[in-house]
Amino acid sequence: MRKTLAIALMLTATLGLAACGKKSEDKAQEANKHAEQAQQDMSKAQDKVNDAAKENAEAAKAQAESNEAAAKEAPKN
């Protein structure tokens, strides 16, 4: 009786562990998909930051040129 009970418990535990393994694999695959998506989103955000930095640099250059032109014209008036 005890041997049968022990075998039944071991079989139940084995099946329980086997069933849990599938879920963790699915969760790992899902986590990898989310990580890839996050990486792509971060890449897009970095591209936008780079574009904004370029625009700021161009605006600063244009402002400097405008200030220089204004300084040249100021003594004429």
PDB file of N, CA and C in Angstrom:
ATOM      1  N   MET A   1       0.826  -1.192   0.000  1.00  0.00           N
ATOM      2  CA  MET A   1       0.000   0.000   0.000  1.00  0.00           C
ATOM      3  C   MET A   1       0.872   1.258   0.000  1.00  0.00           C
ATOM      4  N   ARG A   2       1.874   1.283   0.866  1.00  0.00           N
ATOM      5  CA  ARG A   2       2.744   2.449   0.931  1.00  0.00           C
ATOM      6  C   ARG A   2       3.543   2.628  -0.359  1.00  0.00           C
ATOM      7  N   LYS A   3       3.968   1.500  -0.918  1.00  0.00           N
ATOM      8  CA  LYS A   3       4.737   1.575  -2.147  1.00  0.00           C
ATOM      9  C   LYS A   3       3.867   2.132  -3.278  1.00  0.00           C
ATOM     10  N   THR A   4       2.641   1.716  -3.354  1.00  0.00           N
ATOM     11  CA  THR A   4       1.718   2.191  -4.378  1.00  0.00           C
ATOM     12  C   THR A   4       1.443   3.681  -4.197  1.00  0.00           C
ATOM     13  N   LEU A   5       1.275   4.105  -2.958  1.00  0.00           N
ATOM     14  CA  LEU A   5       1.033   5.504  -2.667  1.00  0.00           C
ATOM     15  C   LEU A   5       2.259   6.357  -3.032  1.00  0.00           C
ATOM     16  N   ALA A   6       3.442   5.846  -2.714  1.00  0.00           N
ATOM     17  CA  ALA A   6       4.668   6.570  -3.034  1.00  0.00           C
ATOM     18  C   ALA A   6       4.840   6.704  -4.546  1.00  0.00           C
ATOM     19  N   ILE A   7       4.567   5.645  -5.280  1.00  0.00           N
ATOM     20  CA  ILE A   7       4.670   5.686  -6.746  1.00  0.00           C
ATOM     21  C   ILE A   7       3.654   6.667  -7.320  1.00  0.00           C
ATOM     22  N   ALA A   8       2.441   6.665  -6.785  1.00  0.00           N
ATOM     23  CA  ALA A   8       1.405   7.584  -7.259  1.00  0.00           C
ATOM     24  C   ALA A   8       1.812   9.031  -6.989  1.00  0.00           C
ATOM     25  N   LEU A   9       2.380   9.290  -5.814  1.00  0.00           N
ATOM     26  CA  LEU A   9       2.822  10.643  -5.497  1.00  0.00           C
ATOM     27  C   LEU A   9       3.960  11.080  -6.403  1.00  0.00           C
ATOM     28  N   MET A  10       4.904  10.192  -6.678  1.00  0.00           N
ATOM     29  CA  MET A  10       6.013  10.530  -7.572  1.00  0.00           C
ATOM     30  C   MET A  10       5.511  10.801  -8.985  1.00  0.00           C
ATOM     31  N   LEU A  11       4.575  10.000  -9.448  1.00  0.00           N
ATOM     32  CA  LEU A  11       3.999  10.190 -10.775  1.00  0.00           C
ATOM     33  C   LEU A  11       3.268  11.528 -10.852  1.00  0.00           C
ATOM     34  N   THR A  12       2.510  11.866  -9.815  1.00  0.00           N
ATOM     35  CA  THR A  12       1.792  13.136  -9.773  1.00  0.00           C
ATOM     36  C   THR A  12       2.767  14.314  -9.776  1.00  0.00           C
ATOM     37  N   ALA A  13       3.821  14.204  -8.986  1.00  0.00           N
ATOM     38  CA  ALA A  13       4.813  15.278  -8.923  1.00  0.00           C
ATOM     39  C   ALA A  13       5.518  15.431 -10.267  1.00  0.00           C
ATOM     40  N   THR A  14       5.840  14.325 -10.919  1.00  0.00           N
ATOM     41  CA  THR A  14       6.500  14.367 -12.218  1.00  0.00           C
ATOM     42  C   THR A  14       5.602  15.026 -13.261  1.00  0.00           C
ATOM     43  N   LEU A  15       4.346  14.667 -13.293  1.00  0.00           N
ATOM     44  CA  LEU A  15       3.412  15.259 -14.236  1.00  0.00           C
ATOM     45  C   LEU A  15       3.208  16.744 -13.939  1.00  0.00           C
ATOM     46  N   GLY A  16       3.184  17.089 -12.677  1.00  0.00           N
ATOM     47  CA  GLY A  16       3.043  18.492 -12.294  1.00  0.00           C
ATOM     48  C   GLY A  16       4.223  19.317 -12.765  1.00  0.00           C
ATOM     49  N   LEU A  17       5.421  18.793 -12.608  1.00  0.00           N
ATOM     50  CA  LEU A  17       6.616  19.500 -13.062  1.00  0.00           C
ATOM     51  C   LEU A  17       6.665  19.600 -14.588  1.00  0.00           C
ATOM     52  N   ALA A  18       6.252  18.541 -15.250  1.00  0.00           N
ATOM     53  CA  ALA A  18       6.249  18.557 -16.711  1.00  0.00           C
ATOM     54  C   ALA A  18       5.257  19.591 -17.237  1.00  0.00           C
ATOM     55  N   ALA A  19       4.122  19.730 -16.587  1.00  0.00           N
ATOM     56  CA  ALA A  19       3.115  20.697 -17.009  1.00  0.00           C
ATOM     57  C   ALA A  19       3.610  22.123 -16.779  1.00  0.00           C
ATOM     58  N   CYS A  20       4.346  22.343 -15.721  1.00  0.00           N
ATOM     59  CA  CYS A  20       4.858  23.688 -15.420  1.00  0.00           C
ATOM     60  C   CYS A  20       5.949  24.104 -16.400  1.00  0.00           C
ATOM     61  N   GLY A  21       6.702  23.157 -16.910  1.00  0.00           N
ATOM     62  CA  GLY A  21       7.796  23.481 -17.817  1.00  0.00           C
ATOM     63  C   GLY A  21       7.308  24.167 -19.079  1.00  0.00           C
ATOM     64  N   LYS A  22       6.184  23.788 -19.581  1.00  0.00           N
ATOM     65  CA  LYS A  22       5.636  24.368 -20.799  1.00  0.00           C
ATOM     66  C   LYS A  22       5.312  25.846 -20.605  1.00  0.00           C
ATOM     67  N   LYS A  23       4.728  26.176 -19.475  1.00  0.00           N
ATOM     68  CA  LYS A  23       4.351  27.562 -19.224  1.00  0.00           C
ATOM     69  C   LYS A  23       5.579  28.458 -19.115  1.00  0.00           C
ATOM     70  N   SER A  24       6.608  27.966 -18.464  1.00  0.00           N
ATOM     71  CA  SER A  24       7.793  28.802 -18.312  1.00  0.00           C
ATOM     72  C   SER A  24       8.487  29.018 -19.662  1.00  0.00           C
ATOM     73  N   GLU A  25       8.443  28.032 -20.531  1.00  0.00           N
ATOM     74  CA  GLU A  25       8.999  28.208 -21.873  1.00  0.00           C
ATOM     75  C   GLU A  25       8.210  29.257 -22.642  1.00  0.00           C
ATOM     76  N   ASP A  26       6.882  29.189 -22.529  1.00  0.00           N
ATOM     77  CA  ASP A  26       6.037  30.174 -23.197  1.00  0.00           C
ATOM     78  C   ASP A  26       6.316  31.569 -22.652  1.00  0.00           C
ATOM     79  N   LYS A  27       6.476  31.659 -21.342  1.00  0.00           N
ATOM     80  CA  LYS A  27       6.752  32.962 -20.734  1.00  0.00           C
ATOM     81  C   LYS A  27       8.112  33.483 -21.179  1.00  0.00           C
ATOM     82  N   ALA A  28       9.078  32.602 -21.315  1.00  0.00           N
ATOM     83  CA  ALA A  28      10.408  33.021 -21.758  1.00  0.00           C
ATOM     84  C   ALA A  28      10.358  33.530 -23.199  1.00  0.00           C
ATOM     85  N   GLN A  29       9.632  32.836 -24.065  1.00  0.00           N
ATOM     86  CA  GLN A  29       9.494  33.278 -25.453  1.00  0.00           C
ATOM     87  C   GLN A  29       8.766  34.617 -25.521  1.00  0.00           C
ATOM     88  N   GLU A  30       7.736  34.765 -24.704  1.00  0.00           N
ATOM     89  CA  GLU A  30       6.983  36.010 -24.682  1.00  0.00           C
ATOM     90  C   GLU A  30       7.860  37.152 -24.161  1.00  0.00           C
ATOM     91  N   ALA A  31       8.663  36.858 -23.152  1.00  0.00           N
ATOM     92  CA  ALA A  31       9.567  37.880 -22.620  1.00  0.00           C
ATOM     93  C   ALA A  31      10.596  38.289 -23.667  1.00  0.00           C
ATOM     94  N   ASN A  32      11.073  37.339 -24.447  1.00  0.00           N
ATOM     95  CA  ASN A  32      12.023  37.667 -25.516  1.00  0.00           C
ATOM     96  C   ASN A  32      11.381  38.550 -26.574  1.00  0.00           C
ATOM     97  N   LYS A  33      10.135  38.273 -26.912  1.00  0.00           N
ATOM     98  CA  LYS A  33       9.432  39.107 -27.885  1.00  0.00           C
ATOM     99  C   LYS A  33       9.282  40.527 -27.365  1.00  0.00           C
ATOM    100  N   HIS A  34       8.923  40.641 -26.082  1.00  0.00           N
ATOM    101  CA  HIS A  34       8.770  41.972 -25.497  1.00  0.00           C
ATOM    102  C   HIS A  34      10.111  42.695 -25.427  1.00  0.00           C
ATOM    103  N   ALA A  35      11.166  41.970 -25.141  1.00  0.00           N
ATOM    104  CA  ALA A  35      12.495  42.579 -25.084  1.00  0.00           C
ATOM    105  C   ALA A  35      12.914  43.086 -26.463  1.00  0.00           C
ATOM    106  N   GLU A  36      12.631  42.305 -27.509  1.00  0.00           N
ATOM    107  CA  GLU A  36      12.945  42.737 -28.876  1.00  0.00           C
ATOM    108  C   GLU A  36      12.149  43.990 -29.242  1.00  0.00           C
ATOM    109  N   GLN A  37      10.868  44.005 -28.869  1.00  0.00           N
ATOM    110  CA  GLN A  37      10.026  45.165 -29.161  1.00  0.00           C
ATOM    111  C   GLN A  37      10.541  46.393 -28.413  1.00  0.00           C
ATOM    112  N   ALA A  38      10.934  46.197 -27.171  1.00  0.00           N
ATOM    113  CA  ALA A  38      11.474  47.312 -26.393  1.00  0.00           C
ATOM    114  C   ALA A  38      12.764  47.829 -27.013  1.00  0.00           C
ATOM    115  N   GLN A  39      13.591  46.923 -27.502  1.00  0.00           N
ATOM    116  CA  GLN A  39      14.844  47.331 -28.137  1.00  0.00           C
ATOM    117  C   GLN A  39      14.567  48.144 -29.404  1.00  0.00           C
ATOM    118  N   GLN A  40      13.587  47.722 -30.184  1.00  0.00           N
ATOM    119  CA  GLN A  40      13.222  48.461 -31.394  1.00  0.00           C
ATOM    120  C   GLN A  40      12.677  49.846 -31.036  1.00  0.00           C
ATOM    121  N   ASP A  41      11.852  49.899 -30.001  1.00  0.00           N
ATOM    122  CA  ASP A  41      11.300  51.187 -29.576  1.00  0.00           C
ATOM    123  C   ASP A  41      12.409  52.106 -29.071  1.00  0.00           C
ATOM    124  N   MET A  42      13.363  51.555 -28.356  1.00  0.00           N
ATOM    125  CA  MET A  42      14.481  52.357 -27.867  1.00  0.00           C
ATOM    126  C   MET A  42      15.322  52.873 -29.039  1.00  0.00           C
ATOM    127  N   SER A  43      15.484  52.050 -30.052  1.00  0.00           N
ATOM    128  CA  SER A  43      16.235  52.467 -31.238  1.00  0.00           C
ATOM    129  C   SER A  43      15.522  53.615 -31.950  1.00  0.00           C
ATOM    130  N   LYS A  44      14.212  53.511 -32.081  1.00  0.00           N
ATOM    131  CA  LYS A  44      13.437  54.581 -32.705  1.00  0.00           C
ATOM    132  C   LYS A  44      13.538  55.862 -31.889  1.00  0.00           C
ATOM    133  N   ALA A  45      13.459  55.728 -30.571  1.00  0.00           N
ATOM    134  CA  ALA A  45      13.550  56.904 -29.709  1.00  0.00           C
ATOM    135  C   ALA A  45      14.927  57.548 -29.832  1.00  0.00           C
ATOM    136  N   GLN A  46      15.967  56.735 -29.907  1.00  0.00           N
ATOM    137  CA  GLN A  46      17.318  57.274 -30.052  1.00  0.00           C
ATOM    138  C   GLN A  46      17.464  58.002 -31.383  1.00  0.00           C
ATOM    139  N   ASP A  47      16.866  57.458 -32.435  1.00  0.00           N
ATOM    140  CA  ASP A  47      16.899  58.137 -33.734  1.00  0.00           C
ATOM    141  C   ASP A  47      16.223  59.508 -33.648  1.00  0.00           C
ATOM    142  N   LYS A  48      15.098  59.565 -32.941  1.00  0.00           N
ATOM    143  CA  LYS A  48      14.401  60.840 -32.790  1.00  0.00           C
ATOM    144  C   LYS A  48      15.244  61.831 -31.986  1.00  0.00           C
ATOM    145  N   VAL A  49      15.922  61.335 -30.952  1.00  0.00           N
ATOM    146  CA  VAL A  49      16.791  62.210 -30.162  1.00  0.00           C
ATOM    147  C   VAL A  49      17.923  62.741 -31.030  1.00  0.00           C
ATOM    148  N   ASN A  50      18.495  61.874 -31.855  1.00  0.00           N
ATOM    149  CA  ASN A  50      19.572  62.312 -32.752  1.00  0.00           C
ATOM    150  C   ASN A  50      19.079  63.357 -33.748  1.00  0.00           C
ATOM    151  N   ASP A  51      17.891  63.129 -34.295  1.00  0.00           N
ATOM    152  CA  ASP A  51      17.322  64.101 -35.229  1.00  0.00           C
ATOM    153  C   ASP A  51      17.090  65.446 -34.538  1.00  0.00           C
ATOM    154  N   ALA A  52      16.586  65.406 -33.327  1.00  0.00           N
ATOM    155  CA  ALA A  52      16.348  66.638 -32.584  1.00  0.00           C
ATOM    156  C   ALA A  52      17.657  67.366 -32.296  1.00  0.00           C
ATOM    157  N   ALA A  53      18.693  66.617 -31.979  1.00  0.00           N
ATOM    158  CA  ALA A  53      19.998  67.233 -31.716  1.00  0.00           C
ATOM    159  C   ALA A  53      20.539  67.900 -32.978  1.00  0.00           C
ATOM    160  N   LYS A  54      20.357  67.260 -34.128  1.00  0.00           N
ATOM    161  CA  LYS A  54      20.796  67.863 -35.391  1.00  0.00           C
ATOM    162  C   LYS A  54      20.028  69.150 -35.674  1.00  0.00           C
ATOM    163  N   GLU A  55      18.724  69.118 -35.446  1.00  0.00           N
ATOM    164  CA  GLU A  55      17.908  70.304 -35.669  1.00  0.00           C
ATOM    165  C   GLU A  55      18.330  71.434 -34.728  1.00  0.00           C
ATOM    166  N   ASN A  56      18.627  71.090 -33.480  1.00  0.00           N
ATOM    167  CA  ASN A  56      19.085  72.110 -32.530  1.00  0.00           C
ATOM    168  C   ASN A  56      20.414  72.705 -32.967  1.00  0.00           C
ATOM    169  N   ALA A  57      21.307  71.871 -33.463  1.00  0.00           N
ATOM    170  CA  ALA A  57      22.600  72.365 -33.926  1.00  0.00           C
ATOM    171  C   ALA A  57      22.425  73.288 -35.132  1.00  0.00           C
ATOM    172  N   GLU A  58      21.557  72.904 -36.057  1.00  0.00           N
ATOM    173  CA  GLU A  58      21.294  73.742 -37.222  1.00  0.00           C
ATOM    174  C   GLU A  58      20.650  75.067 -36.814  1.00  0.00           C
ATOM    175  N   ALA A  59      19.742  75.016 -35.843  1.00  0.00           N
ATOM    176  CA  ALA A  59      19.096  76.238 -35.376  1.00  0.00           C
ATOM    177  C   ALA A  59      20.111  77.151 -34.691  1.00  0.00           C
ATOM    178  N   ALA A  60      21.008  76.573 -33.927  1.00  0.00           N
ATOM    179  CA  ALA A  60      22.033  77.377 -33.258  1.00  0.00           C
ATOM    180  C   ALA A  60      22.963  78.027 -34.280  1.00  0.00           C
ATOM    181  N   LYS A  61      23.287  77.282 -35.324  1.00  0.00           N
ATOM    182  CA  LYS A  61      24.142  77.829 -36.380  1.00  0.00           C
ATOM    183  C   LYS A  61      23.433  78.976 -37.100  1.00  0.00           C
ATOM    184  N   ALA A  62      22.164  78.779 -37.401  1.00  0.00           N
ATOM    185  CA  ALA A  62      21.391  79.825 -38.071  1.00  0.00           C
ATOM    186  C   ALA A  62      21.266  81.056 -37.180  1.00  0.00           C
ATOM    187  N   GLN A  63      21.072  80.840 -35.888  1.00  0.00           N
ATOM    188  CA  GLN A  63      20.982  81.967 -34.949  1.00  0.00           C
ATOM    189  C   GLN A  63      22.299  82.715 -34.877  1.00  0.00           C
ATOM    190  N   ALA A  64      23.399  81.992 -34.875  1.00  0.00           N
ATOM    191  CA  ALA A  64      24.715  82.632 -34.846  1.00  0.00           C
ATOM    192  C   ALA A  64      24.937  83.445 -36.109  1.00  0.00           C
ATOM    193  N   GLU A  65      24.557  82.907 -37.261  1.00  0.00           N
ATOM    194  CA  GLU A  65      24.698  83.632 -38.522  1.00  0.00           C
ATOM    195  C   GLU A  65      23.816  84.877 -38.525  1.00  0.00           C
ATOM    196  N   SER A  66      22.623  84.754 -37.989  1.00  0.00           N
ATOM    197  CA  SER A  66      21.710  85.887 -37.911  1.00  0.00           C
ATOM    198  C   SER A  66      22.273  86.969 -36.996  1.00  0.00           C
ATOM    199  N   ASN A  67      22.810  86.560 -35.868  1.00  0.00           N
ATOM    200  CA  ASN A  67      23.418  87.531 -34.946  1.00  0.00           C
ATOM    201  C   ASN A  67      24.619  88.222 -35.582  1.00  0.00           C
ATOM    202  N   GLU A  68      25.402  87.468 -36.325  1.00  0.00           N
ATOM    203  CA  GLU A  68      26.575  88.034 -37.001  1.00  0.00           C
ATOM    204  C   GLU A  68      26.144  89.050 -38.058  1.00  0.00           C
ATOM    205  N   ALA A  69      25.119  88.695 -38.822  1.00  0.00           N
ATOM    206  CA  ALA A  69      24.614  89.605 -39.846  1.00  0.00           C
ATOM    207  C   ALA A  69      24.035  90.863 -39.207  1.00  0.00           C
ATOM    208  N   ALA A  70      23.356  90.698 -38.104  1.00  0.00           N
ATOM    209  CA  ALA A  70      22.784  91.852 -37.411  1.00  0.00           C
ATOM    210  C   ALA A  70      23.884  92.742 -36.862  1.00  0.00           C
ATOM    211  N   ALA A  71      24.947  92.140 -36.381  1.00  0.00           N
ATOM    212  CA  ALA A  71      26.061  92.926 -35.844  1.00  0.00           C
ATOM    213  C   ALA A  71      26.756  93.708 -36.946  1.00  0.00           C
ATOM    214  N   LYS A  72      26.848  93.152 -38.142  1.00  0.00           N
ATOM    215  CA  LYS A  72      27.469  93.850 -39.267  1.00  0.00           C
ATOM    216  C   LYS A  72      26.626  95.042 -39.734  1.00  0.00           C
ATOM    217  N   GLU A  73      25.309  94.881 -39.685  1.00  0.00           N
ATOM    218  CA  GLU A  73      24.413  95.924 -40.144  1.00  0.00           C
ATOM    219  C   GLU A  73      24.182  97.023 -39.104  1.00  0.00           C
ATOM    220  N   ALA A  74      24.401  96.748 -37.862  1.00  0.00           N
ATOM    221  CA  ALA A  74      24.105  97.710 -36.787  1.00  0.00           C
ATOM    222  C   ALA A  74      24.904  98.999 -36.932  1.00  0.00           C
ATOM    223  N   PRO A  75      26.194  98.990 -37.204  1.00  0.00           N
ATOM    224  CA  PRO A  75      26.933 100.251 -37.307  1.00  0.00           C
ATOM    225  C   PRO A  75      26.496 101.100 -38.505  1.00  0.00           C
ATOM    226  N   LYS A  76      25.935 100.502 -39.531  1.00  0.00           N
ATOM    227  CA  LYS A  76      25.534 101.236 -40.737  1.00  0.00           C
ATOM    228  C   LYS A  76      24.370 102.178 -40.448  1.00  0.00           C
ATOM    229  N   ASN A  77      23.524 101.815 -39.536  1.00  0.00           N
ATOM    230  CA  ASN A  77      22.343 102.632 -39.242  1.00  0.00           C
ATOM    231  C   ASN A  77      22.775 103.755 -38.410  1.00  0.00           C
TER     232      ASN A  77
END
